[in-house]
């Protein structure tokens, strides 16, 4: 059954039309991407506020700020990511470039142009026809749920895909 939904959270507006099953599976990734655009960490709820208060009380005696530390960037080049992921197609290289932007350069959201430039950095894997087919690759990856299109020509890696990439890359 196809459904149509439109949400607005702050300045971020999300519109979806398609199978209900896909939306049910991807709603957390969609909300995470919207959250990343807002730059607020998470959507607040009463339960979240209670948990934050409990965490603050628990960590008041700690001298270090490990709870607020971000993940360290992955010490890999886009070429080494492409090698580890065994890239053999343009779509594979797009995923490797997005992984590099997210895990190495720590970008939550990135443009089509950033992806293209990152792909070119993997000289051994990049082919000029990949540039010509980039739109097709991006559409296919969004359709399959590997990437999220958070705005026109702006993309993000959903949490599920990111977890798989981190596992594959050993981070």
C-alpha atoms as a PDB file:
ATOM      1  CA  UNK A   1       0.000   0.000   0.000  1.00  0.00           C
ATOM      2  CA  UNK A   2       1.446   3.375  -1.013  1.00  0.00           C
ATOM      3  CA  UNK A   3       1.216   6.286   1.393  1.00  0.00           C
ATOM      4  CA  UNK A   4       2.068   9.957   1.256  1.00  0.00           C
ATOM      5  CA  UNK A   5       3.419  11.831   4.272  1.00  0.00           C
ATOM      6  CA  UNK A   6       4.756  15.315   4.840  1.00  0.00           C
ATOM      7  CA  UNK A   7       6.479  16.424   8.070  1.00  0.00           C
ATOM      8  CA  UNK A   8       7.976  19.696   9.157  1.00  0.00           C
ATOM      9  CA  UNK A   9      10.371  19.739  12.073  1.00  0.00           C
ATOM     10  CA  UNK A  10      11.759  23.193  12.683  1.00  0.00           C
ATOM     11  CA  UNK A  11      13.156  24.397   9.368  1.00  0.00           C
ATOM     12  CA  UNK A  12      13.382  20.865   7.955  1.00  0.00           C
ATOM     13  CA  UNK A  13      10.532  19.587   5.825  1.00  0.00           C
ATOM     14  CA  UNK A  14      10.339  15.925   4.784  1.00  0.00           C
ATOM     15  CA  UNK A  15       7.986  14.583   2.147  1.00  0.00           C
ATOM     16  CA  UNK A  16       7.622  10.877   1.322  1.00  0.00           C
ATOM     17  CA  UNK A  17       5.462   9.007  -1.139  1.00  0.00           C
ATOM     18  CA  UNK A  18       5.823   5.253  -1.567  1.00  0.00           C
ATOM     19  CA  UNK A  19       5.365   1.881   0.098  1.00  0.00           C
ATOM     20  CA  UNK A  20       4.299   1.930   3.737  1.00  0.00           C
ATOM     21  CA  UNK A  21       6.767  -0.869   4.596  1.00  0.00           C
ATOM     22  CA  UNK A  22       9.729   1.201   3.422  1.00  0.00           C
ATOM     23  CA  UNK A  23       8.636   4.185   5.486  1.00  0.00           C
ATOM     24  CA  UNK A  24       8.171   2.043   8.595  1.00  0.00           C
ATOM     25  CA  UNK A  25      11.698   0.637   8.215  1.00  0.00           C
ATOM     26  CA  UNK A  26      13.317   3.973   7.416  1.00  0.00           C
ATOM     27  CA  UNK A  27      11.506   6.424   9.683  1.00  0.00           C
ATOM     28  CA  UNK A  28      14.291   6.460  12.287  1.00  0.00           C
ATOM     29  CA  UNK A  29      16.867   7.176   9.573  1.00  0.00           C
ATOM     30  CA  UNK A  30      14.684   9.952   8.176  1.00  0.00           C
ATOM     31  CA  UNK A  31      14.314  11.518  11.614  1.00  0.00           C
ATOM     32  CA  UNK A  32      18.062  11.169  12.230  1.00  0.00           C
ATOM     33  CA  UNK A  33      18.817  12.978   8.973  1.00  0.00           C
ATOM     34  CA  UNK A  34      16.348  15.748   9.818  1.00  0.00           C
ATOM     35  CA  UNK A  35      17.923  15.959  13.252  1.00  0.00           C
ATOM     36  CA  UNK A  36      21.393  16.241  11.727  1.00  0.00           C
ATOM     37  CA  UNK A  37      20.209  19.154   9.619  1.00  0.00           C
ATOM     38  CA  UNK A  38      18.820  20.877  12.696  1.00  0.00           C
ATOM     39  CA  UNK A  39      22.117  20.247  14.515  1.00  0.00           C
ATOM     40  CA  UNK A  40      20.426  19.635  17.852  1.00  0.00           C
ATOM     41  CA  UNK A  41      21.464  16.070  18.704  1.00  0.00           C
ATOM     42  CA  UNK A  42      18.023  14.525  19.138  1.00  0.00           C
ATOM     43  CA  UNK A  43      14.371  15.389  19.233  1.00  0.00           C
ATOM     44  CA  UNK A  44      13.515  16.060  22.879  1.00  0.00           C
ATOM     45  CA  UNK A  45      10.895  14.107  24.738  1.00  0.00           C
ATOM     46  CA  UNK A  46      10.018  13.761  28.396  1.00  0.00           C
ATOM     47  CA  UNK A  47      11.816  10.411  28.512  1.00  0.00           C
ATOM     48  CA  UNK A  48      14.953  11.930  26.935  1.00  0.00           C
ATOM     49  CA  UNK A  49      14.939  14.772  29.457  1.00  0.00           C
ATOM     50  CA  UNK A  50      14.644  12.318  32.363  1.00  0.00           C
ATOM     51  CA  UNK A  51      17.512  10.228  30.978  1.00  0.00           C
ATOM     52  CA  UNK A  52      19.685  13.334  30.475  1.00  0.00           C
ATOM     53  CA  UNK A  53      19.059  14.399  34.078  1.00  0.00           C
ATOM     54  CA  UNK A  54      19.989  10.925  35.323  1.00  0.00           C
ATOM     55  CA  UNK A  55      23.134  10.931  33.148  1.00  0.00           C
ATOM     56  CA  UNK A  56      24.161  14.350  34.422  1.00  0.00           C
ATOM     57  CA  UNK A  57      23.763  13.248  38.043  1.00  0.00           C
ATOM     58  CA  UNK A  58      25.712  10.049  37.360  1.00  0.00           C
ATOM     59  CA  UNK A  59      28.603  11.883  35.662  1.00  0.00           C
ATOM     60  CA  UNK A  60      28.827  14.899  37.985  1.00  0.00           C
ATOM     61  CA  UNK A  61      31.721  13.327  39.876  1.00  0.00           C
ATOM     62  CA  UNK A  62      33.676  12.443  36.703  1.00  0.00           C
ATOM     63  CA  UNK A  63      36.615  14.720  35.893  1.00  0.00           C
ATOM     64  CA  UNK A  64      36.753  13.831  32.173  1.00  0.00           C
ATOM     65  CA  UNK A  65      34.171  14.778  29.583  1.00  0.00           C
ATOM     66  CA  UNK A  66      34.033  11.411  27.802  1.00  0.00           C
ATOM     67  CA  UNK A  67      30.226  11.574  27.554  1.00  0.00           C
ATOM     68  CA  UNK A  68      30.473  14.622  25.314  1.00  0.00           C
ATOM     69  CA  UNK A  69      33.407  13.422  23.184  1.00  0.00           C
ATOM     70  CA  UNK A  70      32.754  12.752  19.556  1.00  0.00           C
ATOM     71  CA  UNK A  71      34.034   9.734  17.680  1.00  0.00           C
ATOM     72  CA  UNK A  72      37.548  10.030  16.368  1.00  0.00           C
ATOM     73  CA  UNK A  73      37.856  10.366  12.593  1.00  0.00           C
ATOM     74  CA  UNK A  74      38.649   7.132  10.805  1.00  0.00           C
ATOM     75  CA  UNK A  75      42.323   7.256   9.712  1.00  0.00           C
ATOM     76  CA  UNK A  76      41.733   6.079   6.122  1.00  0.00           C
ATOM     77  CA  UNK A  77      41.791   7.631   2.679  1.00  0.00           C
ATOM     78  CA  UNK A  78      38.896   7.256   0.281  1.00  0.00           C
ATOM     79  CA  UNK A  79      41.142   4.920  -1.767  1.00  0.00           C
ATOM     80  CA  UNK A  80      41.728   2.640   1.200  1.00  0.00           C
ATOM     81  CA  UNK A  81      37.999   2.675   1.961  1.00  0.00           C
ATOM     82  CA  UNK A  82      37.265   1.768  -1.672  1.00  0.00           C
ATOM     83  CA  UNK A  83      39.814  -1.063  -1.457  1.00  0.00           C
ATOM     84  CA  UNK A  84      38.364  -2.379   1.817  1.00  0.00           C
ATOM     85  CA  UNK A  85      34.814  -2.233   0.420  1.00  0.00           C
ATOM     86  CA  UNK A  86      36.043  -3.941  -2.788  1.00  0.00           C
ATOM     87  CA  UNK A  87      34.586  -1.245  -5.035  1.00  0.00           C
ATOM     88  CA  UNK A  88      33.999  -2.418  -8.576  1.00  0.00           C
ATOM     89  CA  UNK A  89      31.194  -0.117  -9.775  1.00  0.00           C
ATOM     90  CA  UNK A  90      30.338   3.553  -9.770  1.00  0.00           C
ATOM     91  CA  UNK A  91      27.702   3.001  -7.083  1.00  0.00           C
ATOM     92  CA  UNK A  92      30.277   1.253  -4.908  1.00  0.00           C
ATOM     93  CA  UNK A  93      32.605   4.233  -5.243  1.00  0.00           C
ATOM     94  CA  UNK A  94      29.778   6.637  -4.341  1.00  0.00           C
ATOM     95  CA  UNK A  95      29.251   4.655  -1.117  1.00  0.00           C
ATOM     96  CA  UNK A  96      33.004   4.714  -0.404  1.00  0.00           C
ATOM     97  CA  UNK A  97      33.095   8.485  -0.999  1.00  0.00           C
ATOM     98  CA  UNK A  98      30.117   9.029   1.320  1.00  0.00           C
ATOM     99  CA  UNK A  99      31.751   6.794   3.949  1.00  0.00           C
ATOM    100  CA  UNK A 100      34.902   8.899   3.697  1.00  0.00           C
ATOM    101  CA  UNK A 101      32.951  12.141   4.030  1.00  0.00           C
ATOM    102  CA  UNK A 102      31.100  10.816   7.077  1.00  0.00           C
ATOM    103  CA  UNK A 103      33.706   8.736   8.916  1.00  0.00           C
ATOM    104  CA  UNK A 104      36.938  10.530   7.945  1.00  0.00           C
ATOM    105  CA  UNK A 105      35.892  14.123   7.352  1.00  0.00           C
ATOM    106  CA  UNK A 106      33.008  13.850   9.851  1.00  0.00           C
ATOM    107  CA  UNK A 107      30.408  15.507   7.638  1.00  0.00           C
ATOM    108  CA  UNK A 108      26.833  14.519   8.557  1.00  0.00           C
ATOM    109  CA  UNK A 109      25.380  15.980   5.369  1.00  0.00           C
ATOM    110  CA  UNK A 110      27.186  16.469   2.063  1.00  0.00           C
ATOM    111  CA  UNK A 111      26.496  17.774  -1.408  1.00  0.00           C
ATOM    112  CA  UNK A 112      26.593  15.997  -4.734  1.00  0.00           C
ATOM    113  CA  UNK A 113      29.709  18.034  -5.587  1.00  0.00           C
ATOM    114  CA  UNK A 114      31.478  16.929  -2.388  1.00  0.00           C
ATOM    115  CA  UNK A 115      30.700  13.311  -3.282  1.00  0.00           C
ATOM    116  CA  UNK A 116      32.072  13.776  -6.814  1.00  0.00           C
ATOM    117  CA  UNK A 117      35.279  15.377  -5.575  1.00  0.00           C
ATOM    118  CA  UNK A 118      35.738  12.653  -2.957  1.00  0.00           C
ATOM    119  CA  UNK A 119      35.253   9.986  -5.648  1.00  0.00           C
ATOM    120  CA  UNK A 120      37.985  11.614  -7.767  1.00  0.00           C
ATOM    121  CA  UNK A 121      40.393  11.290  -4.833  1.00  0.00           C
ATOM    122  CA  UNK A 122      40.266   7.504  -5.297  1.00  0.00           C
ATOM    123  CA  UNK A 123      42.256   7.754  -8.536  1.00  0.00           C
ATOM    124  CA  UNK A 124      42.704   4.018  -8.929  1.00  0.00           C
ATOM    125  CA  UNK A 125      38.932   3.426  -8.795  1.00  0.00           C
ATOM    126  CA  UNK A 126      37.544   6.564 -10.438  1.00  0.00           C
ATOM    127  CA  UNK A 127      36.496   6.554 -14.090  1.00  0.00           C
ATOM    128  CA  UNK A 128      35.359   9.649 -15.993  1.00  0.00           C
ATOM    129  CA  UNK A 129      32.034   8.036 -16.925  1.00  0.00           C
ATOM    130  CA  UNK A 130      31.213   7.880 -13.183  1.00  0.00           C
ATOM    131  CA  UNK A 131      30.837  11.669 -13.257  1.00  0.00           C
ATOM    132  CA  UNK A 132      28.345  11.379 -16.111  1.00  0.00           C
ATOM    133  CA  UNK A 133      26.368   8.683 -14.271  1.00  0.00           C
ATOM    134  CA  UNK A 134      26.515  10.192 -10.781  1.00  0.00           C
ATOM    135  CA  UNK A 135      22.868  11.303 -10.786  1.00  0.00           C
ATOM    136  CA  UNK A 136      21.769   7.803 -11.749  1.00  0.00           C
ATOM    137  CA  UNK A 137      23.937   6.258  -9.005  1.00  0.00           C
ATOM    138  CA  UNK A 138      22.641   8.651  -6.357  1.00  0.00           C
ATOM    139  CA  UNK A 139      18.996   8.025  -7.298  1.00  0.00           C
ATOM    140  CA  UNK A 140      19.504   4.264  -7.116  1.00  0.00           C
ATOM    141  CA  UNK A 141      21.242   4.490  -3.730  1.00  0.00           C
ATOM    142  CA  UNK A 142      18.476   6.714  -2.327  1.00  0.00           C
ATOM    143  CA  UNK A 143      15.798   4.398  -3.717  1.00  0.00           C
ATOM    144  CA  UNK A 144      17.470   1.378  -2.115  1.00  0.00           C
ATOM    145  CA  UNK A 145      17.861   3.158   1.247  1.00  0.00           C
ATOM    146  CA  UNK A 146      21.670   3.198   1.233  1.00  0.00           C
ATOM    147  CA  UNK A 147      21.636   7.022   1.174  1.00  0.00           C
ATOM    148  CA  UNK A 148      19.119   9.647   2.247  1.00  0.00           C
ATOM    149  CA  UNK A 149      18.461  12.710   0.122  1.00  0.00           C
ATOM    150  CA  UNK A 150      17.922  15.308   2.839  1.00  0.00           C
ATOM    151  CA  UNK A 151      17.512  18.194   0.416  1.00  0.00           C
ATOM    152  CA  UNK A 152      17.933  18.742  -3.301  1.00  0.00           C
ATOM    153  CA  UNK A 153      21.403  17.357  -4.153  1.00  0.00           C
ATOM    154  CA  UNK A 154      22.259  17.008  -0.454  1.00  0.00           C
ATOM    155  CA  UNK A 155      22.737  13.557   1.044  1.00  0.00           C
ATOM    156  CA  UNK A 156      23.361  11.731   4.302  1.00  0.00           C
ATOM    157  CA  UNK A 157      24.097   8.144   5.305  1.00  0.00           C
ATOM    158  CA  UNK A 158      21.259   6.545   7.307  1.00  0.00           C
ATOM    159  CA  UNK A 159      22.159   5.092  10.706  1.00  0.00           C
ATOM    160  CA  UNK A 160      21.712   1.484   9.547  1.00  0.00           C
ATOM    161  CA  UNK A 161      24.018   1.907   6.554  1.00  0.00           C
ATOM    162  CA  UNK A 162      26.531   3.792   8.684  1.00  0.00           C
ATOM    163  CA  UNK A 163      26.647   0.966  11.238  1.00  0.00           C
ATOM    164  CA  UNK A 164      27.287  -1.558   8.450  1.00  0.00           C
ATOM    165  CA  UNK A 165      30.061   0.597   6.973  1.00  0.00           C
ATOM    166  CA  UNK A 166      31.700   1.080  10.372  1.00  0.00           C
ATOM    167  CA  UNK A 167      31.654  -2.683  10.914  1.00  0.00           C
ATOM    168  CA  UNK A 168      33.131  -3.373   7.468  1.00  0.00           C
ATOM    169  CA  UNK A 169      35.826  -0.736   7.932  1.00  0.00           C
ATOM    170  CA  UNK A 170      36.631  -1.814  11.476  1.00  0.00           C
ATOM    171  CA  UNK A 171      35.949   1.506  13.168  1.00  0.00           C
END
